[in-house]
Amino acid sequence: MDWELRNLFDDLEVVQEKINDVVTSFVWFDDEYFTHEPNHMLTKKEIYTHGWKYHEHRIKNTQVIDLMLMYMKDFDDIMKQIREIEKASSDMNSLATRSDNA
């Protein structure tokens, strides 16, 4: 059972690294694209540039959302397995206590 938990925690670390990579890439995107202060009045050229990049940004956002949903599913699956191991361990301890008392 210990090795199962160790494997699951290793899997969690992999998912965590993947999430960190997605966050890092999104931060780079944000830093690179959103360079003006919130109150900055966009020039005509900046508006055109944003329009040209619209599809690129839509694709990037869709990919980030898809990756995060996939990683969250992986995370949820691993947590479910950990809970099942905990429950099985608890049930075994409960059975051992009952037989010790008999």
N, C-alpha and C. Protein backbone atom coordinates (compact mmCIF):
# COMPACT_ATOMS: atom_id res chain seq x y z
N MET A 1 0.82 -1.19 0.00
CA MET A 1 0.00 0.00 0.00
C MET A 1 0.87 1.26 0.00
N ASP A 2 1.99 1.22 0.72
CA ASP A 2 2.87 2.39 0.75
C ASP A 2 3.40 2.73 -0.63
N TRP A 3 3.76 1.70 -1.40
CA TRP A 3 4.28 1.96 -2.75
C TRP A 3 3.19 2.53 -3.65
N GLU A 4 1.93 2.11 -3.43
CA GLU A 4 0.83 2.68 -4.22
C GLU A 4 0.69 4.17 -3.94
N LEU A 5 0.75 4.52 -2.67
CA LEU A 5 0.65 5.94 -2.30
C LEU A 5 1.83 6.73 -2.84
N ARG A 6 3.03 6.16 -2.74
CA ARG A 6 4.21 6.85 -3.28
C ARG A 6 4.06 7.10 -4.78
N ASN A 7 3.57 6.09 -5.50
CA ASN A 7 3.35 6.25 -6.94
C ASN A 7 2.32 7.34 -7.23
N LEU A 8 1.25 7.37 -6.44
CA LEU A 8 0.22 8.38 -6.65
C LEU A 8 0.75 9.79 -6.35
N PHE A 9 1.56 9.90 -5.30
CA PHE A 9 2.14 11.21 -4.99
C PHE A 9 3.13 11.63 -6.08
N ASP A 10 3.85 10.67 -6.65
CA ASP A 10 4.71 10.98 -7.80
C ASP A 10 3.87 11.48 -8.98
N ASP A 11 2.73 10.82 -9.20
CA ASP A 11 1.82 11.26 -10.27
C ASP A 11 1.30 12.67 -10.01
N LEU A 12 1.00 12.96 -8.74
CA LEU A 12 0.55 14.31 -8.39
C LEU A 12 1.63 15.35 -8.68
N GLU A 13 2.87 15.00 -8.40
CA GLU A 13 3.97 15.93 -8.68
C GLU A 13 4.08 16.20 -10.18
N VAL A 14 3.88 15.17 -11.00
CA VAL A 14 3.92 15.35 -12.46
C VAL A 14 2.81 16.30 -12.90
N VAL A 15 1.61 16.09 -12.39
CA VAL A 15 0.48 16.97 -12.74
C VAL A 15 0.78 18.40 -12.28
N GLN A 16 1.34 18.53 -11.08
CA GLN A 16 1.68 19.86 -10.57
C GLN A 16 2.70 20.55 -11.49
N GLU A 17 3.70 19.81 -11.95
CA GLU A 17 4.70 20.39 -12.86
C GLU A 17 4.05 20.83 -14.18
N LYS A 18 3.11 20.03 -14.68
CA LYS A 18 2.42 20.39 -15.92
C LYS A 18 1.60 21.67 -15.73
N ILE A 19 0.91 21.76 -14.59
CA ILE A 19 0.12 22.96 -14.30
C ILE A 19 1.05 24.17 -14.20
N ASN A 20 2.18 24.00 -13.53
CA ASN A 20 3.14 25.11 -13.41
C ASN A 20 3.64 25.56 -14.78
N ASP A 21 3.87 24.61 -15.69
CA ASP A 21 4.31 24.95 -17.04
C ASP A 21 3.24 25.77 -17.78
N VAL A 22 1.99 25.37 -17.63
CA VAL A 22 0.90 26.11 -18.29
C VAL A 22 0.81 27.52 -17.72
N VAL A 23 0.89 27.63 -16.41
CA VAL A 23 0.82 28.95 -15.77
C VAL A 23 1.99 29.82 -16.23
N THR A 24 3.18 29.25 -16.26
CA THR A 24 4.35 30.01 -16.70
C THR A 24 4.18 30.51 -18.13
N SER A 25 3.72 29.64 -19.02
CA SER A 25 3.55 30.07 -20.42
C SER A 25 2.47 31.14 -20.54
N PHE A 26 1.43 31.04 -19.72
CA PHE A 26 0.37 32.04 -19.77
C PHE A 26 0.86 33.38 -19.21
N VAL A 27 1.69 33.33 -18.18
CA VAL A 27 2.27 34.56 -17.62
C VAL A 27 3.15 35.23 -18.68
N TRP A 28 3.94 34.44 -19.40
CA TRP A 28 4.77 35.02 -20.47
C TRP A 28 3.88 35.68 -21.52
N PHE A 29 2.82 35.00 -21.89
CA PHE A 29 1.88 35.55 -22.87
C PHE A 29 1.31 36.88 -22.36
N ASP A 30 0.88 36.87 -21.11
CA ASP A 30 0.29 38.07 -20.51
C ASP A 30 1.30 39.21 -20.45
N ASP A 31 2.52 38.91 -20.01
CA ASP A 31 3.56 39.94 -19.91
C ASP A 31 3.94 40.50 -21.28
N GLU A 32 3.97 39.62 -22.28
CA GLU A 32 4.37 40.04 -23.62
C GLU A 32 3.30 40.87 -24.31
N TYR A 33 2.05 40.52 -24.09
CA TYR A 33 0.97 41.15 -24.84
C TYR A 33 0.38 42.38 -24.15
N PHE A 34 0.15 42.28 -22.85
CA PHE A 34 -0.50 43.36 -22.13
C PHE A 34 0.56 44.26 -21.49
N THR A 35 1.11 45.14 -22.30
CA THR A 35 2.24 45.97 -21.85
C THR A 35 1.82 47.36 -21.38
N HIS A 36 0.57 47.73 -21.58
CA HIS A 36 0.11 49.08 -21.22
C HIS A 36 -0.61 49.07 -19.88
N GLU A 37 -0.65 50.24 -19.28
CA GLU A 37 -1.43 50.43 -18.06
C GLU A 37 -2.92 50.29 -18.40
N PRO A 38 -3.76 49.94 -17.42
CA PRO A 38 -5.19 49.75 -17.70
C PRO A 38 -5.87 50.97 -18.32
N ASN A 39 -5.44 52.16 -17.99
CA ASN A 39 -6.09 53.37 -18.50
C ASN A 39 -5.49 53.86 -19.81
N HIS A 40 -4.54 53.14 -20.36
CA HIS A 40 -3.88 53.56 -21.61
C HIS A 40 -4.89 53.59 -22.75
N MET A 41 -4.87 54.67 -23.52
CA MET A 41 -5.75 54.79 -24.68
C MET A 41 -5.01 54.18 -25.88
N LEU A 42 -5.59 53.13 -26.45
CA LEU A 42 -4.94 52.44 -27.57
C LEU A 42 -4.91 53.32 -28.81
N THR A 43 -3.79 53.24 -29.52
CA THR A 43 -3.68 53.95 -30.79
C THR A 43 -4.37 53.11 -31.87
N LYS A 44 -4.57 53.71 -33.02
CA LYS A 44 -5.20 52.99 -34.13
C LYS A 44 -4.34 51.78 -34.52
N LYS A 45 -3.03 51.96 -34.52
CA LYS A 45 -2.12 50.85 -34.86
C LYS A 45 -2.26 49.71 -33.84
N GLU A 46 -2.34 50.04 -32.55
CA GLU A 46 -2.48 49.02 -31.50
C GLU A 46 -3.81 48.27 -31.64
N ILE A 47 -4.84 48.98 -32.02
CA ILE A 47 -6.15 48.34 -32.23
C ILE A 47 -6.07 47.36 -33.40
N TYR A 48 -5.44 47.77 -34.50
CA TYR A 48 -5.27 46.87 -35.65
C TYR A 48 -4.42 45.66 -35.27
N THR A 49 -3.34 45.90 -34.53
CA THR A 49 -2.47 44.80 -34.11
C THR A 49 -3.25 43.80 -33.27
N HIS A 50 -4.07 44.31 -32.36
CA HIS A 50 -4.89 43.42 -31.53
C HIS A 50 -5.84 42.61 -32.42
N GLY A 51 -6.43 43.25 -33.38
CA GLY A 51 -7.33 42.55 -34.30
C GLY A 51 -6.62 41.45 -35.06
N TRP A 52 -5.41 41.72 -35.51
CA TRP A 52 -4.64 40.71 -36.24
C TRP A 52 -4.27 39.53 -35.35
N LYS A 53 -4.06 39.80 -34.06
CA LYS A 53 -3.64 38.74 -33.13
C LYS A 53 -4.83 38.03 -32.48
N TYR A 54 -6.04 38.47 -32.79
CA TYR A 54 -7.24 37.92 -32.14
C TYR A 54 -7.27 36.40 -32.19
N HIS A 55 -7.11 35.82 -33.38
CA HIS A 55 -7.21 34.37 -33.53
C HIS A 55 -6.07 33.66 -32.79
N GLU A 56 -4.90 34.24 -32.82
CA GLU A 56 -3.77 33.67 -32.08
C GLU A 56 -4.08 33.62 -30.59
N HIS A 57 -4.66 34.68 -30.06
CA HIS A 57 -5.00 34.73 -28.64
C HIS A 57 -6.13 33.76 -28.31
N ARG A 58 -7.11 33.66 -29.20
CA ARG A 58 -8.20 32.72 -28.98
C ARG A 58 -7.66 31.29 -28.92
N ILE A 59 -6.76 30.94 -29.84
CA ILE A 59 -6.16 29.61 -29.85
C ILE A 59 -5.38 29.37 -28.56
N LYS A 60 -4.57 30.33 -28.15
CA LYS A 60 -3.78 30.21 -26.92
C LYS A 60 -4.69 30.00 -25.72
N ASN A 61 -5.75 30.80 -25.60
CA ASN A 61 -6.67 30.67 -24.46
C ASN A 61 -7.38 29.32 -24.48
N THR A 62 -7.80 28.87 -25.65
CA THR A 62 -8.47 27.57 -25.76
C THR A 62 -7.53 26.45 -25.35
N GLN A 63 -6.27 26.52 -25.77
CA GLN A 63 -5.30 25.50 -25.40
C GLN A 63 -5.05 25.48 -23.90
N VAL A 64 -4.94 26.65 -23.30
CA VAL A 64 -4.72 26.73 -21.85
C VAL A 64 -5.91 26.13 -21.11
N ILE A 65 -7.11 26.48 -21.52
CA ILE A 65 -8.31 25.94 -20.88
C ILE A 65 -8.36 24.43 -21.02
N ASP A 66 -8.12 23.92 -22.23
CA ASP A 66 -8.14 22.47 -22.46
C ASP A 66 -7.10 21.75 -21.61
N LEU A 67 -5.89 22.29 -21.56
CA LEU A 67 -4.84 21.67 -20.76
C LEU A 67 -5.19 21.67 -19.28
N MET A 68 -5.68 22.80 -18.78
CA MET A 68 -6.02 22.87 -17.36
C MET A 68 -7.15 21.93 -17.01
N LEU A 69 -8.15 21.80 -17.87
CA LEU A 69 -9.24 20.85 -17.62
C LEU A 69 -8.72 19.42 -17.61
N MET A 70 -7.82 19.10 -18.53
CA MET A 70 -7.24 17.76 -18.59
C MET A 70 -6.41 17.49 -17.32
N TYR A 71 -5.61 18.47 -16.91
CA TYR A 71 -4.78 18.28 -15.72
C TYR A 71 -5.63 18.20 -14.46
N MET A 72 -6.71 18.96 -14.41
CA MET A 72 -7.60 18.88 -13.24
C MET A 72 -8.28 17.52 -13.17
N LYS A 73 -8.63 16.94 -14.32
CA LYS A 73 -9.20 15.60 -14.34
C LYS A 73 -8.17 14.59 -13.83
N ASP A 74 -6.93 14.71 -14.30
CA ASP A 74 -5.86 13.83 -13.81
C ASP A 74 -5.71 13.96 -12.30
N PHE A 75 -5.71 15.20 -11.81
CA PHE A 75 -5.59 15.46 -10.38
C PHE A 75 -6.75 14.82 -9.62
N ASP A 76 -7.97 15.01 -10.10
CA ASP A 76 -9.14 14.43 -9.45
C ASP A 76 -9.08 12.90 -9.43
N ASP A 77 -8.62 12.29 -10.54
CA ASP A 77 -8.50 10.83 -10.59
C ASP A 77 -7.49 10.32 -9.57
N ILE A 78 -6.38 11.01 -9.44
CA ILE A 78 -5.36 10.60 -8.47
C ILE A 78 -5.89 10.76 -7.06
N MET A 79 -6.56 11.86 -6.78
CA MET A 79 -7.12 12.07 -5.44
C MET A 79 -8.16 11.01 -5.11
N LYS A 80 -8.95 10.61 -6.08
CA LYS A 80 -9.94 9.55 -5.87
C LYS A 80 -9.24 8.24 -5.49
N GLN A 81 -8.15 7.92 -6.17
CA GLN A 81 -7.41 6.70 -5.86
C GLN A 81 -6.81 6.77 -4.45
N ILE A 82 -6.31 7.94 -4.06
CA ILE A 82 -5.75 8.10 -2.72
C ILE A 82 -6.85 7.89 -1.68
N ARG A 83 -8.02 8.46 -1.92
CA ARG A 83 -9.14 8.28 -0.98
C ARG A 83 -9.55 6.81 -0.87
N GLU A 84 -9.54 6.10 -1.99
CA GLU A 84 -9.88 4.67 -1.97
C GLU A 84 -8.86 3.89 -1.14
N ILE A 85 -7.59 4.22 -1.28
CA ILE A 85 -6.55 3.55 -0.48
C ILE A 85 -6.73 3.88 0.99
N GLU A 86 -7.01 5.14 1.30
CA GLU A 86 -7.25 5.54 2.70
C GLU A 86 -8.43 4.79 3.28
N LYS A 87 -9.51 4.67 2.50
CA LYS A 87 -10.71 3.97 2.97
C LYS A 87 -10.40 2.50 3.20
N ALA A 88 -9.69 1.87 2.27
CA ALA A 88 -9.33 0.46 2.41
C ALA A 88 -8.45 0.26 3.64
N SER A 89 -7.53 1.18 3.87
CA SER A 89 -6.65 1.10 5.03
C SER A 89 -7.45 1.25 6.31
N SER A 90 -8.39 2.19 6.31
CA SER A 90 -9.24 2.41 7.47
C SER A 90 -10.11 1.18 7.75
N ASP A 91 -10.66 0.58 6.69
CA ASP A 91 -11.48 -0.62 6.84
C ASP A 91 -10.65 -1.77 7.39
N MET A 92 -9.40 -1.91 6.94
CA MET A 92 -8.54 -2.98 7.42
C MET A 92 -8.20 -2.77 8.89
N ASN A 93 -7.95 -1.52 9.28
CA ASN A 93 -7.66 -1.23 10.68
C ASN A 93 -8.87 -1.51 11.55
N SER A 94 -10.05 -1.22 11.03
CA SER A 94 -11.28 -1.48 11.76
C SER A 94 -11.48 -2.97 11.96
N LEU A 95 -11.23 -3.77 10.93
CA LEU A 95 -11.33 -5.23 11.04
C LEU A 95 -10.31 -5.78 12.01
N ALA A 96 -9.10 -5.26 11.98
CA ALA A 96 -8.05 -5.73 12.88
C ALA A 96 -8.42 -5.43 14.32
N THR A 97 -9.00 -4.28 14.59
CA THR A 97 -9.40 -3.91 15.94
C THR A 97 -10.51 -4.83 16.43
N ARG A 98 -11.48 -5.14 15.58
CA ARG A 98 -12.57 -6.03 15.97
C ARG A 98 -12.05 -7.43 16.28
N SER A 99 -11.13 -7.95 15.47
CA SER A 99 -10.62 -9.30 15.71
C SER A 99 -9.72 -9.33 16.94
N ASP A 100 -9.03 -8.21 17.22
CA ASP A 100 -8.20 -8.15 18.42
C ASP A 100 -9.07 -8.16 19.67
N ASN A 101 -10.27 -7.58 19.58
CA ASN A 101 -11.17 -7.51 20.72
C ASN A 101 -11.93 -8.81 20.94
N ALA A 102 -11.97 -9.69 19.93
CA ALA A 102 -12.77 -10.91 20.02
C ALA A 102 -12.16 -11.94 20.92
